[in-house]
Amino acid sequence: MIQMIEYLPWDSDFFELHIGKVICHTTTSIQEIIECAKQAKYQLIYIFQDESIHNEITNKLPWIEHLIDKKLLFEKIIVPELIDLADEIAIYNEKYIETDLENLAIHSGQYSRFNRDTKFGTISFKKLYQTWIKNSVEKIIADEVFVYKLKDKIVGFITIKLFHEYGQIGLLASDPKYTGYGIGSALINAVEHYCITKNIYKLNVATQEDNTIACAFYLKNNFTKTSLTYIYHLWI
């Protein structure tokens, strides 16, 4: 018997599919999940496994053929000290989504499992990230969106959501044309300063292990790895 499949209403509505997720704490077989999913008429199951469980089934088919993402969680303890904020940083207060911001949001998801899984299609992937930044700007899933502007052009942004004891970075992107300008670090400084003003001193962010540039960036900015989760997409 596997853990109960959790129905995901938002994903199901957005992708127009019957989607659920399973968090595996044991070496459950793919066939068990398939049989359970079929009974409930699911079309897609997201399967999440922590590193220890994954290591027990490494290289065992058919698990590996469904592996779509390796999500790394990074954490940083914020030191409550004076943080210099770049003049180019501003809170995004527009009531509409500028094209620069929308394009950067799509760019931020290039390593996303929703982009890597071609069964979703490019149109659905782009729509997902357009919706993500829209809901962030409207403060449905984020508290603030900070942007980095050069000559009135948005060349970077970051979203932040505060919880009881930590801040969670949702999306972070910078225009690759401006690599080396320190845009990403400046945006991190902005959310750290924001967290301090709210008496929050821990910052979390997730990225893909295959996104080596992002991983190196977070380590450079004094984040530490705290967990690794393997994610599978099981299409029924």
C-alpha atoms as a PDB file:
ATOM      1  CA  MET A   1       0.000   0.000   0.000  1.00  0.00           C
ATOM      2  CA  ILE A   2       1.443   3.380  -0.987  1.00  0.00           C
ATOM      3  CA  GLN A   3       0.813   6.726   0.587  1.00  0.00           C
ATOM      4  CA  MET A   4      -2.420   8.369  -0.536  1.00  0.00           C
ATOM      5  CA  ILE A   5      -2.110  10.392  -3.723  1.00  0.00           C
ATOM      6  CA  GLU A   6      -2.765  14.068  -3.031  1.00  0.00           C
ATOM      7  CA  TYR A   7      -4.941  15.795  -5.609  1.00  0.00           C
ATOM      8  CA  LEU A   8      -3.477  19.084  -6.890  1.00  0.00           C
ATOM      9  CA  PRO A   9      -6.380  21.365  -7.840  1.00  0.00           C
ATOM     10  CA  TRP A  10      -4.313  24.328  -9.080  1.00  0.00           C
ATOM     11  CA  ASP A  11      -2.085  22.244 -11.352  1.00  0.00           C
ATOM     12  CA  SER A  12      -5.058  20.244 -12.578  1.00  0.00           C
ATOM     13  CA  ASP A  13      -7.018  23.365 -13.506  1.00  0.00           C
ATOM     14  CA  PHE A  14      -4.052  25.109 -15.082  1.00  0.00           C
ATOM     15  CA  PHE A  15      -2.866  22.212 -17.242  1.00  0.00           C
ATOM     16  CA  GLU A  16      -6.376  20.792 -17.741  1.00  0.00           C
ATOM     17  CA  LEU A  17      -5.229  17.407 -16.495  1.00  0.00           C
ATOM     18  CA  HIS A  18      -6.071  15.284 -13.443  1.00  0.00           C
ATOM     19  CA  ILE A  19      -2.811  15.702 -11.487  1.00  0.00           C
ATOM     20  CA  GLY A  20      -1.720  14.397  -8.101  1.00  0.00           C
ATOM     21  CA  LYS A  21       1.454  14.008  -6.094  1.00  0.00           C
ATOM     22  CA  VAL A  22       3.047  11.350  -3.933  1.00  0.00           C
ATOM     23  CA  ILE A  23       5.785  11.905  -1.371  1.00  0.00           C
ATOM     24  CA  CYS A  24       7.608   8.588  -1.154  1.00  0.00           C
ATOM     25  CA  HIS A  25       9.053   7.678   2.216  1.00  0.00           C
ATOM     26  CA  THR A  26       9.642   4.075   1.207  1.00  0.00           C
ATOM     27  CA  THR A  27      10.922   2.261  -1.860  1.00  0.00           C
ATOM     28  CA  THR A  28       7.437   2.037  -3.345  1.00  0.00           C
ATOM     29  CA  SER A  29       7.315   0.506  -6.829  1.00  0.00           C
ATOM     30  CA  ILE A  30       6.243   2.449  -9.895  1.00  0.00           C
ATOM     31  CA  GLN A  31       3.612  -0.206 -10.575  1.00  0.00           C
ATOM     32  CA  GLU A  32       1.958   0.370  -7.196  1.00  0.00           C
ATOM     33  CA  ILE A  33       1.628   4.074  -7.940  1.00  0.00           C
ATOM     34  CA  ILE A  34       0.314   3.415 -11.449  1.00  0.00           C
ATOM     35  CA  GLU A  35      -2.368   1.045 -10.187  1.00  0.00           C
ATOM     36  CA  CYS A  36      -3.479   3.492  -7.506  1.00  0.00           C
ATOM     37  CA  ALA A  37      -3.455   6.396  -9.980  1.00  0.00           C
ATOM     38  CA  LYS A  38      -5.510   4.503 -12.542  1.00  0.00           C
ATOM     39  CA  GLN A  39      -8.174   3.706  -9.969  1.00  0.00           C
ATOM     40  CA  ALA A  40      -8.538   7.431  -9.227  1.00  0.00           C
ATOM     41  CA  LYS A  41      -8.323   8.353 -12.948  1.00  0.00           C
ATOM     42  CA  TYR A  42      -5.174  10.427 -12.615  1.00  0.00           C
ATOM     43  CA  GLN A  43      -3.327  11.431 -15.772  1.00  0.00           C
ATOM     44  CA  LEU A  44      -0.108  12.664 -14.183  1.00  0.00           C
ATOM     45  CA  ILE A  45       1.568  12.053 -10.832  1.00  0.00           C
ATOM     46  CA  TYR A  46       4.437  14.081  -9.410  1.00  0.00           C
ATOM     47  CA  ILE A  47       6.599  11.833  -7.242  1.00  0.00           C
ATOM     48  CA  PHE A  48       8.918  13.371  -4.652  1.00  0.00           C
ATOM     49  CA  GLN A  49      11.710  11.399  -2.981  1.00  0.00           C
ATOM     50  CA  ASP A  50      14.382  12.574  -0.620  1.00  0.00           C
ATOM     51  CA  GLU A  51      18.002  11.722  -1.296  1.00  0.00           C
ATOM     52  CA  SER A  52      18.174   8.703   1.013  1.00  0.00           C
ATOM     53  CA  ILE A  53      15.230   6.959  -0.655  1.00  0.00           C
ATOM     54  CA  HIS A  54      16.522   7.754  -4.113  1.00  0.00           C
ATOM     55  CA  ASN A  55      19.891   6.199  -3.308  1.00  0.00           C
ATOM     56  CA  GLU A  56      18.160   2.903  -2.569  1.00  0.00           C
ATOM     57  CA  ILE A  57      16.613   2.733  -6.044  1.00  0.00           C
ATOM     58  CA  THR A  58      19.378   4.393  -8.099  1.00  0.00           C
ATOM     59  CA  ASN A  59      19.688   2.904 -11.587  1.00  0.00           C
ATOM     60  CA  LYS A  60      16.658   0.687 -11.045  1.00  0.00           C
ATOM     61  CA  LEU A  61      14.307   0.957 -13.992  1.00  0.00           C
ATOM     62  CA  PRO A  62      11.623   2.070 -14.513  1.00  0.00           C
ATOM     63  CA  TRP A  63      12.297   4.723 -11.828  1.00  0.00           C
ATOM     64  CA  ILE A  64      15.173   6.448 -13.611  1.00  0.00           C
ATOM     65  CA  GLU A  65      13.325   6.874 -16.886  1.00  0.00           C
ATOM     66  CA  HIS A  66      10.749   9.048 -15.069  1.00  0.00           C
ATOM     67  CA  LEU A  67      13.290  11.274 -13.278  1.00  0.00           C
ATOM     68  CA  ILE A  68      12.719  14.866 -14.401  1.00  0.00           C
ATOM     69  CA  ASP A  69      14.313  17.089 -11.751  1.00  0.00           C
ATOM     70  CA  LYS A  70      16.754  17.194  -8.855  1.00  0.00           C
ATOM     71  CA  LYS A  71      15.718  20.087  -6.635  1.00  0.00           C
ATOM     72  CA  LEU A  72      18.266  21.629  -4.303  1.00  0.00           C
ATOM     73  CA  LEU A  73      17.168  23.720  -1.348  1.00  0.00           C
ATOM     74  CA  PHE A  74      19.564  26.417  -0.182  1.00  0.00           C
ATOM     75  CA  GLU A  75      19.422  28.352   3.085  1.00  0.00           C
ATOM     76  CA  LYS A  76      21.126  31.452   4.403  1.00  0.00           C
ATOM     77  CA  ILE A  77      21.185  32.979   7.851  1.00  0.00           C
ATOM     78  CA  ILE A  78      20.936  36.744   7.409  1.00  0.00           C
ATOM     79  CA  VAL A  79      23.322  38.784   9.517  1.00  0.00           C
ATOM     80  CA  PRO A  80      21.472  41.869  10.846  1.00  0.00           C
ATOM     81  CA  GLU A  81      23.904  44.489   9.628  1.00  0.00           C
ATOM     82  CA  LEU A  82      23.851  47.503   7.363  1.00  0.00           C
ATOM     83  CA  ILE A  83      23.234  46.403   3.774  1.00  0.00           C
ATOM     84  CA  ASP A  84      24.091  48.698   0.883  1.00  0.00           C
ATOM     85  CA  LEU A  85      21.255  48.801  -1.633  1.00  0.00           C
ATOM     86  CA  ALA A  86      22.050  49.499  -5.266  1.00  0.00           C
ATOM     87  CA  ASP A  87      20.469  52.647  -6.704  1.00  0.00           C
ATOM     88  CA  GLU A  88      19.102  50.530  -9.559  1.00  0.00           C
ATOM     89  CA  ILE A  89      16.892  48.485  -7.199  1.00  0.00           C
ATOM     90  CA  ALA A  90      13.211  49.318  -6.869  1.00  0.00           C
ATOM     91  CA  ILE A  91       9.976  47.665  -5.757  1.00  0.00           C
ATOM     92  CA  TYR A  92       7.799  46.832  -8.739  1.00  0.00           C
ATOM     93  CA  ASN A  93       4.565  48.780  -8.260  1.00  0.00           C
ATOM     94  CA  GLU A  94       3.044  48.716 -11.732  1.00  0.00           C
ATOM     95  CA  LYS A  95      -0.457  47.306 -12.176  1.00  0.00           C
ATOM     96  CA  TYR A  96       0.565  45.582 -15.394  1.00  0.00           C
ATOM     97  CA  ILE A  97       3.379  43.221 -16.338  1.00  0.00           C
ATOM     98  CA  GLU A  98       6.064  44.810 -18.468  1.00  0.00           C
ATOM     99  CA  THR A  99       7.416  42.714 -21.328  1.00  0.00           C
ATOM    100  CA  ASP A 100      10.950  42.781 -19.903  1.00  0.00           C
ATOM    101  CA  LEU A 101       9.705  41.348 -16.613  1.00  0.00           C
ATOM    102  CA  GLU A 102       7.604  38.678 -18.293  1.00  0.00           C
ATOM    103  CA  ASN A 103      10.463  37.573 -20.547  1.00  0.00           C
ATOM    104  CA  LEU A 104      12.822  37.351 -17.583  1.00  0.00           C
ATOM    105  CA  ALA A 105      10.283  35.228 -15.716  1.00  0.00           C
ATOM    106  CA  ILE A 106      10.155  32.779 -18.618  1.00  0.00           C
ATOM    107  CA  HIS A 107      13.959  32.779 -18.801  1.00  0.00           C
ATOM    108  CA  SER A 108      14.161  31.943 -15.075  1.00  0.00           C
ATOM    109  CA  GLY A 109      12.358  28.660 -15.745  1.00  0.00           C
ATOM    110  CA  GLN A 110      14.668  27.283 -18.415  1.00  0.00           C
ATOM    111  CA  TYR A 111      15.825  24.450 -16.121  1.00  0.00           C
ATOM    112  CA  SER A 112      12.342  23.913 -14.683  1.00  0.00           C
ATOM    113  CA  ARG A 113      10.802  20.450 -14.789  1.00  0.00           C
ATOM    114  CA  PHE A 114       7.861  22.012 -16.584  1.00  0.00           C
ATOM    115  CA  ASN A 115      10.214  23.028 -19.380  1.00  0.00           C
ATOM    116  CA  ARG A 116      12.248  19.827 -19.377  1.00  0.00           C
ATOM    117  CA  ASP A 117       9.147  17.662 -19.526  1.00  0.00           C
ATOM    118  CA  THR A 118       8.236  18.185 -23.181  1.00  0.00           C
ATOM    119  CA  LYS A 119       4.799  16.637 -22.684  1.00  0.00           C
ATOM    120  CA  PHE A 120       3.652  19.958 -21.216  1.00  0.00           C
ATOM    121  CA  GLY A 121       4.676  21.827 -24.360  1.00  0.00           C
ATOM    122  CA  THR A 122       6.367  25.200 -24.742  1.00  0.00           C
ATOM    123  CA  ILE A 123       3.124  27.170 -24.713  1.00  0.00           C
ATOM    124  CA  SER A 124       2.029  25.725 -21.350  1.00  0.00           C
ATOM    125  CA  PHE A 125       5.493  26.225 -19.874  1.00  0.00           C
ATOM    126  CA  LYS A 126       5.602  29.896 -20.860  1.00  0.00           C
ATOM    127  CA  LYS A 127       2.046  30.464 -19.667  1.00  0.00           C
ATOM    128  CA  LEU A 128       2.980  28.944 -16.294  1.00  0.00           C
ATOM    129  CA  TYR A 129       5.821  31.408 -15.721  1.00  0.00           C
ATOM    130  CA  GLN A 130       3.786  34.323 -17.038  1.00  0.00           C
ATOM    131  CA  THR A 131       1.128  33.395 -14.487  1.00  0.00           C
ATOM    132  CA  TRP A 132       3.774  32.998 -11.765  1.00  0.00           C
ATOM    133  CA  ILE A 133       5.124  36.512 -12.209  1.00  0.00           C
ATOM    134  CA  LYS A 134       1.616  37.955 -12.590  1.00  0.00           C
ATOM    135  CA  ASN A 135       0.497  36.368  -9.313  1.00  0.00           C
ATOM    136  CA  SER A 136       3.692  37.604  -7.672  1.00  0.00           C
ATOM    137  CA  VAL A 137       3.166  41.195  -8.782  1.00  0.00           C
ATOM    138  CA  GLU A 138      -0.448  41.037  -7.617  1.00  0.00           C
ATOM    139  CA  LYS A 139       0.852  39.752  -4.237  1.00  0.00           C
ATOM    140  CA  ILE A 140      -1.101  36.507  -4.440  1.00  0.00           C
ATOM    141  CA  ILE A 141       1.990  34.319  -4.013  1.00  0.00           C
ATOM    142  CA  ALA A 142       4.636  36.917  -3.106  1.00  0.00           C
ATOM    143  CA  ASP A 143       4.910  39.841  -0.713  1.00  0.00           C
ATOM    144  CA  GLU A 144       7.144  41.948  -2.942  1.00  0.00           C
ATOM    145  CA  VAL A 145       8.850  41.914  -6.330  1.00  0.00           C
ATOM    146  CA  PHE A 146      12.142  43.816  -6.542  1.00  0.00           C
ATOM    147  CA  VAL A 147      13.512  44.836  -9.939  1.00  0.00           C
ATOM    148  CA  TYR A 148      16.886  46.008 -11.161  1.00  0.00           C
ATOM    149  CA  LYS A 149      16.636  48.743 -13.813  1.00  0.00           C
ATOM    150  CA  LEU A 150      19.203  50.147 -16.211  1.00  0.00           C
ATOM    151  CA  LYS A 151      17.999  53.135 -18.262  1.00  0.00           C
ATOM    152  CA  ASP A 152      14.358  52.255 -17.520  1.00  0.00           C
ATOM    153  CA  LYS A 153      14.851  48.688 -18.725  1.00  0.00           C
ATOM    154  CA  ILE A 154      14.240  45.833 -16.270  1.00  0.00           C
ATOM    155  CA  VAL A 155      17.312  43.605 -16.436  1.00  0.00           C
ATOM    156  CA  GLY A 156      16.674  41.555 -13.312  1.00  0.00           C
ATOM    157  CA  PHE A 157      14.085  40.773 -10.663  1.00  0.00           C
ATOM    158  CA  ILE A 158      13.455  38.723  -7.534  1.00  0.00           C
ATOM    159  CA  THR A 159      10.282  37.723  -5.698  1.00  0.00           C
ATOM    160  CA  ILE A 160      10.035  37.200  -1.944  1.00  0.00           C
ATOM    161  CA  LYS A 161       7.393  35.623   0.282  1.00  0.00           C
ATOM    162  CA  LEU A 162       7.656  35.852   4.062  1.00  0.00           C
ATOM    163  CA  PHE A 163       6.637  33.073   6.401  1.00  0.00           C
ATOM    164  CA  HIS A 164       6.748  32.914  10.188  1.00  0.00           C
ATOM    165  CA  GLU A 165      10.482  32.268  10.529  1.00  0.00           C
ATOM    166  CA  TYR A 166      11.961  32.636   7.056  1.00  0.00           C
ATOM    167  CA  GLY A 167      11.726  34.333   3.693  1.00  0.00           C
ATOM    168  CA  GLN A 168      11.292  32.279   0.530  1.00  0.00           C
ATOM    169  CA  ILE A 169      12.683  33.420  -2.808  1.00  0.00           C
ATOM    170  CA  GLY A 170      10.278  32.348  -5.538  1.00  0.00           C
ATOM    171  CA  LEU A 171      11.804  33.552  -8.800  1.00  0.00           C
ATOM    172  CA  LEU A 172      15.142  35.204  -9.488  1.00  0.00           C
ATOM    173  CA  ALA A 173      16.424  36.156 -12.920  1.00  0.00           C
ATOM    174  CA  SER A 174      18.817  38.536 -14.624  1.00  0.00           C
ATOM    175  CA  ASP A 175      19.329  39.351 -18.273  1.00  0.00           C
ATOM    176  CA  PRO A 176      22.307  37.278 -19.541  1.00  0.00           C
ATOM    177  CA  LYS A 177      23.370  40.277 -21.621  1.00  0.00           C
ATOM    178  CA  TYR A 178      24.350  41.946 -18.339  1.00  0.00           C
ATOM    179  CA  THR A 179      26.353  39.114 -16.819  1.00  0.00           C
ATOM    180  CA  GLY A 180      29.041  40.495 -14.526  1.00  0.00           C
ATOM    181  CA  TYR A 181      27.080  43.566 -13.441  1.00  0.00           C
ATOM    182  CA  GLY A 182      26.354  42.056 -10.009  1.00  0.00           C
ATOM    183  CA  ILE A 183      22.612  42.165 -10.608  1.00  0.00           C
ATOM    184  CA  GLY A 184      21.811  38.890  -8.862  1.00  0.00           C
ATOM    185  CA  SER A 185      23.802  39.771  -5.741  1.00  0.00           C
ATOM    186  CA  ALA A 186      22.197  43.205  -5.604  1.00  0.00           C
ATOM    187  CA  LEU A 187      18.755  41.606  -5.727  1.00  0.00           C
ATOM    188  CA  ILE A 188      19.724  39.190  -2.940  1.00  0.00           C
ATOM    189  CA  ASN A 189      20.838  42.186  -0.869  1.00  0.00           C
ATOM    190  CA  ALA A 190      17.445  43.809  -1.454  1.00  0.00           C
ATOM    191  CA  VAL A 191      15.472  40.835  -0.134  1.00  0.00           C
ATOM    192  CA  GLU A 192      17.856  40.414   2.802  1.00  0.00           C
ATOM    193  CA  HIS A 193      17.291  44.050   3.753  1.00  0.00           C
ATOM    194  CA  TYR A 194      13.539  43.548   3.344  1.00  0.00           C
ATOM    195  CA  CYS A 195      13.616  40.465   5.593  1.00  0.00           C
ATOM    196  CA  ILE A 196      15.561  42.314   8.283  1.00  0.00           C
ATOM    197  CA  THR A 197      12.951  45.088   8.338  1.00  0.00           C
ATOM    198  CA  LYS A 198      10.359  42.372   9.048  1.00  0.00           C
ATOM    199  CA  ASN A 199      12.527  40.692  11.741  1.00  0.00           C
ATOM    200  CA  ILE A 200      13.161  37.651   9.542  1.00  0.00           C
ATOM    201  CA  TYR A 201      16.714  36.317   9.566  1.00  0.00           C
ATOM    202  CA  LYS A 202      16.600  33.207   7.409  1.00  0.00           C
ATOM    203  CA  LEU A 203      16.285  33.020   3.647  1.00  0.00           C
ATOM    204  CA  ASN A 204      15.447  29.934   1.567  1.00  0.00           C
ATOM    205  CA  VAL A 205      15.575  29.313  -2.156  1.00  0.00           C
ATOM    206  CA  ALA A 206      15.229  26.241  -4.366  1.00  0.00           C
ATOM    207  CA  THR A 207      16.868  25.594  -7.709  1.00  0.00           C
ATOM    208  CA  GLN A 208      17.733  22.661  -9.938  1.00  0.00           C
ATOM    209  CA  GLU A 209      20.962  20.752  -9.402  1.00  0.00           C
ATOM    210  CA  ASP A 210      21.543  20.835 -13.166  1.00  0.00           C
ATOM    211  CA  ASN A 211      21.452  24.640 -13.056  1.00  0.00           C
ATOM    212  CA  THR A 212      25.104  24.805 -12.119  1.00  0.00           C
ATOM    213  CA  ILE A 213      25.323  28.580 -12.629  1.00  0.00           C
ATOM    214  CA  ALA A 214      22.515  29.209 -10.133  1.00  0.00           C
ATOM    215  CA  CYS A 215      23.989  26.748  -7.633  1.00  0.00           C
ATOM    216  CA  ALA A 216      27.402  28.416  -7.834  1.00  0.00           C
ATOM    217  CA  PHE A 217      25.744  31.822  -7.460  1.00  0.00           C
ATOM    218  CA  TYR A 218      23.972  30.881  -4.231  1.00  0.00           C
ATOM    219  CA  LEU A 219      27.103  29.322  -2.762  1.00  0.00           C
ATOM    220  CA  LYS A 220      29.036  32.479  -3.670  1.00  0.00           C
ATOM    221  CA  ASN A 221      26.405  34.507  -1.798  1.00  0.00           C
ATOM    222  CA  ASN A 222      26.889  32.423   1.360  1.00  0.00           C
ATOM    223  CA  PHE A 223      23.921  30.079   1.027  1.00  0.00           C
ATOM    224  CA  THR A 224      24.358  26.465   2.092  1.00  0.00           C
ATOM    225  CA  LYS A 225      22.718  23.347   0.671  1.00  0.00           C
ATOM    226  CA  THR A 226      20.186  21.831   3.053  1.00  0.00           C
ATOM    227  CA  SER A 227      18.377  19.140   1.064  1.00  0.00           C
ATOM    228  CA  LEU A 228      18.135  17.389  -2.278  1.00  0.00           C
ATOM    229  CA  THR A 229      14.803  16.092  -3.598  1.00  0.00           C
ATOM    230  CA  TYR A 230      14.345  13.879  -6.644  1.00  0.00           C
ATOM    231  CA  ILE A 231      11.204  14.559  -8.653  1.00  0.00           C
ATOM    232  CA  TYR A 232       9.610  12.173 -11.125  1.00  0.00           C
ATOM    233  CA  HIS A 233       6.767  12.757 -13.589  1.00  0.00           C
ATOM    234  CA  LEU A 234       4.654   9.668 -14.055  1.00  0.00           C
ATOM    235  CA  TRP A 235       2.245  10.054 -16.970  1.00  0.00           C
ATOM    236  CA  ILE A 236      -0.576   7.504 -16.833  1.00  0.00           C
END
